[in-house]
C-alpha atoms as a PDB file:
ATOM      1  CA  MET A   1       0.300  19.080 -27.486  1.00  0.00           C
ATOM      2  CA  HIS A   2       3.266  18.342 -25.237  1.00  0.00           C
ATOM      3  CA  GLU A   3       6.256  16.768 -26.982  1.00  0.00           C
ATOM      4  CA  SER A   4       8.490  14.547 -24.758  1.00  0.00           C
ATOM      5  CA  GLY A   5      10.679  12.965 -27.370  1.00  0.00           C
ATOM      6  CA  THR A   6       8.985   9.586 -26.908  1.00  0.00           C
ATOM      7  CA  GLY A   7       5.677  10.222 -28.329  1.00  0.00           C
ATOM      8  CA  SER A   8       3.861   8.886 -25.376  1.00  0.00           C
ATOM      9  CA  GLU A   9       2.048  12.113 -24.461  1.00  0.00           C
ATOM     10  CA  ALA A  10       1.416  13.286 -28.047  1.00  0.00           C
ATOM     11  CA  ASP A  11       0.145   9.661 -29.001  1.00  0.00           C
ATOM     12  CA  PRO A  12      -2.362   8.706 -26.405  1.00  0.00           C
ATOM     13  CA  LYS A  13      -1.557   4.966 -27.334  1.00  0.00           C
ATOM     14  CA  GLY A  14       1.643   3.423 -26.692  1.00  0.00           C
ATOM     15  CA  GLY A  15       3.735   1.683 -29.171  1.00  0.00           C
ATOM     16  CA  ASN A  16       1.826  -1.528 -28.917  1.00  0.00           C
ATOM     17  CA  GLY A  17      -1.548   0.062 -29.003  1.00  0.00           C
ATOM     18  CA  VAL A  18      -2.212   0.180 -25.215  1.00  0.00           C
ATOM     19  CA  GLU A  19      -3.742   3.489 -24.129  1.00  0.00           C
ATOM     20  CA  HIS A  20      -1.556   5.768 -22.147  1.00  0.00           C
ATOM     21  CA  VAL A  21      -3.922   5.847 -19.158  1.00  0.00           C
ATOM     22  CA  PHE A  22      -3.667   2.045 -18.697  1.00  0.00           C
ATOM     23  CA  LEU A  23       0.037   2.274 -18.902  1.00  0.00           C
ATOM     24  CA  ALA A  24       0.049   5.065 -16.215  1.00  0.00           C
ATOM     25  CA  LEU A  25      -2.407   2.680 -14.322  1.00  0.00           C
ATOM     26  CA  GLU A  26      -0.085  -0.248 -14.433  1.00  0.00           C
ATOM     27  CA  ARG A  27       2.996   1.857 -13.464  1.00  0.00           C
ATOM     28  CA  GLU A  28       1.242   3.261 -10.436  1.00  0.00           C
ATOM     29  CA  LEU A  29      -0.163  -0.189  -9.352  1.00  0.00           C
ATOM     30  CA  ALA A  30       3.282  -1.840  -9.665  1.00  0.00           C
ATOM     31  CA  VAL A  31       4.745   0.771  -7.204  1.00  0.00           C
ATOM     32  CA  PHE A  32       1.892   0.442  -4.888  1.00  0.00           C
ATOM     33  CA  LEU A  33       1.910  -3.404  -4.854  1.00  0.00           C
ATOM     34  CA  ARG A  34       5.851  -3.385  -4.291  1.00  0.00           C
ATOM     35  CA  ARG A  35       5.295  -0.989  -1.280  1.00  0.00           C
ATOM     36  CA  ALA A  36       2.366  -3.021  -0.133  1.00  0.00           C
ATOM     37  CA  ARG A  37       4.299  -6.267  -0.076  1.00  0.00           C
ATOM     38  CA  ALA A  38       7.225  -4.638   1.895  1.00  0.00           C
ATOM     39  CA  SER A  39       4.533  -3.125   4.265  1.00  0.00           C
ATOM     40  CA  SER A  40       2.898  -6.605   4.617  1.00  0.00           C
ATOM     41  CA  GLY A  41       6.320  -8.174   5.593  1.00  0.00           C
ATOM     42  CA  GLU A  42       6.826  -5.521   8.349  1.00  0.00           C
ATOM     43  CA  MET A  43       3.189  -5.856   9.585  1.00  0.00           C
ATOM     44  CA  ALA A  44       3.558  -9.681   9.889  1.00  0.00           C
ATOM     45  CA  ARG A  45       6.798  -9.319  11.814  1.00  0.00           C
ATOM     46  CA  GLU A  46       5.236  -6.880  14.167  1.00  0.00           C
ATOM     47  CA  VAL A  47       2.393  -9.409  14.862  1.00  0.00           C
ATOM     48  CA  HIS A  48       4.980 -12.241  15.454  1.00  0.00           C
ATOM     49  CA  PRO A  49       8.765 -12.149  14.384  1.00  0.00           C
ATOM     50  CA  GLU A  50       8.256 -15.590  12.883  1.00  0.00           C
ATOM     51  CA  LEU A  51       5.002 -14.888  10.815  1.00  0.00           C
ATOM     52  CA  GLU A  52       5.188 -15.047   7.019  1.00  0.00           C
ATOM     53  CA  PRO A  53       4.234 -11.919   5.106  1.00  0.00           C
ATOM     54  CA  ALA A  54       1.631 -13.802   3.143  1.00  0.00           C
ATOM     55  CA  ALA A  55      -0.016 -14.988   6.252  1.00  0.00           C
ATOM     56  CA  TYR A  56      -0.719 -11.662   7.468  1.00  0.00           C
ATOM     57  CA  GLY A  57      -3.654 -11.426   4.925  1.00  0.00           C
ATOM     58  CA  LEU A  58      -5.130 -14.504   6.621  1.00  0.00           C
ATOM     59  CA  LEU A  59      -5.216 -12.602   9.934  1.00  0.00           C
ATOM     60  CA  VAL A  60      -7.101  -9.842   8.159  1.00  0.00           C
ATOM     61  CA  ARG A  61      -9.691 -12.092   6.627  1.00  0.00           C
ATOM     62  CA  LEU A  62     -10.335 -14.026   9.717  1.00  0.00           C
ATOM     63  CA  GLU A  63     -10.643 -10.878  11.722  1.00  0.00           C
ATOM     64  CA  GLU A  64     -13.073  -9.395   9.134  1.00  0.00           C
ATOM     65  CA  ALA A  65     -15.070 -12.408   8.353  1.00  0.00           C
ATOM     66  CA  GLY A  66     -14.974 -14.602  11.546  1.00  0.00           C
ATOM     67  CA  GLN A  67     -14.203 -18.114  11.465  1.00  0.00           C
ATOM     68  CA  GLN A  68     -14.053 -20.223   8.339  1.00  0.00           C
ATOM     69  CA  ARG A  69     -13.221 -23.277   6.672  1.00  0.00           C
ATOM     70  CA  ALA A  70      -9.661 -23.636   5.129  1.00  0.00           C
ATOM     71  CA  THR A  71     -11.204 -24.374   1.874  1.00  0.00           C
ATOM     72  CA  GLU A  72     -13.149 -21.139   1.950  1.00  0.00           C
ATOM     73  CA  LEU A  73      -9.963 -19.252   2.775  1.00  0.00           C
ATOM     74  CA  ALA A  74      -7.975 -20.921  -0.087  1.00  0.00           C
ATOM     75  CA  GLY A  75     -10.796 -19.915  -2.418  1.00  0.00           C
ATOM     76  CA  TYR A  76     -10.868 -16.302  -1.236  1.00  0.00           C
ATOM     77  CA  PHE A  77      -7.220 -15.994  -1.702  1.00  0.00           C
ATOM     78  CA  GLY A  78      -7.014 -17.915  -4.745  1.00  0.00           C
ATOM     79  CA  VAL A  79      -4.376 -20.376  -3.513  1.00  0.00           C
ATOM     80  CA  GLY A  80      -4.449 -24.265  -3.321  1.00  0.00           C
ATOM     81  CA  LYS A  81      -5.424 -26.206  -0.404  1.00  0.00           C
ATOM     82  CA  ALA A  82      -1.817 -27.421   0.316  1.00  0.00           C
ATOM     83  CA  THR A  83      -0.573 -23.663   0.500  1.00  0.00           C
ATOM     84  CA  MET A  84      -3.339 -22.731   2.760  1.00  0.00           C
ATOM     85  CA  SER A  85      -2.864 -25.806   5.045  1.00  0.00           C
ATOM     86  CA  ARG A  86       0.775 -24.972   5.290  1.00  0.00           C
ATOM     87  CA  GLN A  87       0.144 -21.314   6.072  1.00  0.00           C
ATOM     88  CA  LEU A  88      -2.607 -22.329   8.834  1.00  0.00           C
ATOM     89  CA  ARG A  89      -0.327 -24.883  10.465  1.00  0.00           C
ATOM     90  CA  ALA A  90       2.276 -22.171  10.820  1.00  0.00           C
ATOM     91  CA  LEU A  91      -0.285 -19.644  12.288  1.00  0.00           C
ATOM     92  CA  GLU A  92      -1.586 -22.490  14.649  1.00  0.00           C
ATOM     93  CA  GLY A  93       2.000 -23.249  15.822  1.00  0.00           C
ATOM     94  CA  LEU A  94       2.438 -19.495  16.572  1.00  0.00           C
ATOM     95  CA  GLY A  95      -0.627 -19.584  18.705  1.00  0.00           C
ATOM     96  CA  LEU A  96      -2.578 -17.181  16.325  1.00  0.00           C
ATOM     97  CA  VAL A  97      -5.308 -19.246  15.054  1.00  0.00           C
ATOM     98  CA  ALA A  98      -6.995 -22.371  16.218  1.00  0.00           C
ATOM     99  CA  ARG A  99      -9.302 -24.982  14.381  1.00  0.00           C
ATOM    100  CA  GLU A 100     -12.441 -26.487  15.841  1.00  0.00           C
ATOM    101  CA  PRO A 101     -14.935 -28.927  14.480  1.00  0.00           C
ATOM    102  CA  ASP A 102     -17.417 -27.425  12.027  1.00  0.00           C
ATOM    103  CA  PRO A 103     -20.974 -28.123  13.695  1.00  0.00           C
ATOM    104  CA  ALA A 104     -22.421 -28.163  10.202  1.00  0.00           C
ATOM    105  CA  ASP A 105     -20.047 -30.759   9.030  1.00  0.00           C
ATOM    106  CA  GLY A 106     -18.062 -33.000  11.593  1.00  0.00           C
ATOM    107  CA  ARG A 107     -15.437 -33.979   9.071  1.00  0.00           C
ATOM    108  CA  ALA A 108     -14.516 -30.415   8.432  1.00  0.00           C
ATOM    109  CA  SER A 109     -13.195 -27.741  10.776  1.00  0.00           C
ATOM    110  CA  LEU A 110     -13.484 -23.917  11.153  1.00  0.00           C
ATOM    111  CA  VAL A 111     -10.372 -21.906  11.648  1.00  0.00           C
ATOM    112  CA  ARG A 112     -10.608 -18.858  13.876  1.00  0.00           C
ATOM    113  CA  LEU A 113      -8.230 -16.192  15.538  1.00  0.00           C
ATOM    114  CA  THR A 114      -7.206 -16.949  19.197  1.00  0.00           C
ATOM    115  CA  GLY A 115      -7.414 -14.446  21.849  1.00  0.00           C
ATOM    116  CA  GLU A 116      -3.665 -13.856  21.382  1.00  0.00           C
ATOM    117  CA  GLY A 117      -4.144 -13.603  17.604  1.00  0.00           C
ATOM    118  CA  VAL A 118      -6.793 -10.843  18.060  1.00  0.00           C
ATOM    119  CA  VAL A 119      -4.887  -8.817  20.350  1.00  0.00           C
ATOM    120  CA  ARG A 120      -1.579  -8.936  18.341  1.00  0.00           C
ATOM    121  CA  PHE A 121      -3.340  -8.520  14.991  1.00  0.00           C
ATOM    122  CA  ARG A 122      -5.482  -5.405  16.228  1.00  0.00           C
ATOM    123  CA  ARG A 123      -2.469  -3.833  17.851  1.00  0.00           C
ATOM    124  CA  VAL A 124      -0.669  -3.827  14.268  1.00  0.00           C
ATOM    125  CA  ARG A 125      -3.782  -3.072  12.432  1.00  0.00           C
ATOM    126  CA  ASP A 126      -4.475   0.017  14.606  1.00  0.00           C
ATOM    127  CA  ALA A 127      -1.120   1.311  14.206  1.00  0.00           C
ATOM    128  CA  ARG A 128      -1.358   0.931  10.295  1.00  0.00           C
ATOM    129  CA  ARG A 129      -4.454   2.711  10.198  1.00  0.00           C
ATOM    130  CA  ASP A 130      -2.866   5.590  12.198  1.00  0.00           C
ATOM    131  CA  ARG A 131      -0.103   5.754   9.497  1.00  0.00           C
ATOM    132  CA  TYR A 132      -2.845   5.884   6.728  1.00  0.00           C
ATOM    133  CA  VAL A 133      -4.580   8.718   8.654  1.00  0.00           C
ATOM    134  CA  SER A 134      -1.128  10.596   9.037  1.00  0.00           C
ATOM    135  CA  LYS A 135      -0.308  10.027   5.319  1.00  0.00           C
ATOM    136  CA  LEU A 136      -3.498  11.244   3.949  1.00  0.00           C
ATOM    137  CA  ALA A 137      -4.131  13.820   6.408  1.00  0.00           C
ATOM    138  CA  GLY A 138      -4.164  16.632   3.672  1.00  0.00           C
ATOM    139  CA  TRP A 139      -6.849  14.707   1.674  1.00  0.00           C
ATOM    140  CA  ASP A 140     -10.640  15.382   1.611  1.00  0.00           C
ATOM    141  CA  ARG A 141     -12.686  12.600   3.199  1.00  0.00           C
ATOM    142  CA  GLY A 142     -14.573  12.438  -0.062  1.00  0.00           C
ATOM    143  CA  GLU A 143     -11.357  11.639  -1.926  1.00  0.00           C
ATOM    144  CA  ILE A 144     -10.564   8.934   0.541  1.00  0.00           C
ATOM    145  CA  ALA A 145     -13.865   7.385   0.250  1.00  0.00           C
ATOM    146  CA  GLU A 146     -13.835   7.521  -3.668  1.00  0.00           C
ATOM    147  CA  LEU A 147     -10.262   5.856  -3.504  1.00  0.00           C
ATOM    148  CA  ALA A 148     -11.665   3.173  -1.261  1.00  0.00           C
ATOM    149  CA  ARG A 149     -14.718   2.668  -3.638  1.00  0.00           C
ATOM    150  CA  LEU A 150     -12.579   2.464  -6.750  1.00  0.00           C
ATOM    151  CA  LEU A 151     -10.114   0.081  -5.164  1.00  0.00           C
ATOM    152  CA  HIS A 152     -12.956  -2.081  -4.157  1.00  0.00           C
ATOM    153  CA  GLN A 153     -14.464  -2.044  -7.642  1.00  0.00           C
ATOM    154  CA  LEU A 154     -11.080  -3.073  -8.960  1.00  0.00           C
ATOM    155  CA  ASN A 155     -10.693  -5.861  -6.549  1.00  0.00           C
ATOM    156  CA  ALA A 156     -14.240  -7.121  -7.114  1.00  0.00           C
ATOM    157  CA  ARG A 157     -13.497  -7.195 -10.915  1.00  0.00           C
ATOM    158  CA  ALA A 158     -10.162  -8.731 -10.447  1.00  0.00           C
ATOM    159  CA  GLY A 159     -11.660 -11.722  -8.425  1.00  0.00           C
ATOM    160  CA  SER A 160     -14.097 -12.697 -11.379  1.00  0.00           C
END
C-alpha cells in the first residue's frame, strides 16, 4: 500500500466515509465543468458578441431537437419560465431565434433557430468539434465512444 501522509490512498474511504473513487470523480468533474463554463462563454461570444454564455446551450438544443415550446426548453434545462423567457427574448433580439404560433395550440408559440442563427451556431459548433478531434487525436475511437456513453449515462441519471 502506498502511503501519502494523508491516508487517502491507504484508506479507500475519505475522512467522512466517502469512497476515494467518488472524491476523485468529484474533483475531475469540477475541473471539467469549470473549463466547460469558460468554453461556453467563448463559444457564445463567437456566435454573437452579445450572447450570454448560458444561452449557447439553447442554440445547441434547438439545433438538435428542432423547434420547441419555451416551456419544453425550460423543463429540459431545469430553469423557470421567467429565466427561459428572458434568454429567448435576448436571442430574438440578436436575430438568432424566432417564435411562431404552435399549430397544435394557437395560444402557445414554437421557438426555432433563424437562418442566421443556424449559420452562426454551426460555424462555432464545427470549430469546437475540430478542437475535440485535435485534443483527442491520440485516443482510440472506442475510448471516445465509451466516454460519450458514460457521460450520457451520467447526464440521464442526473436529470431524474
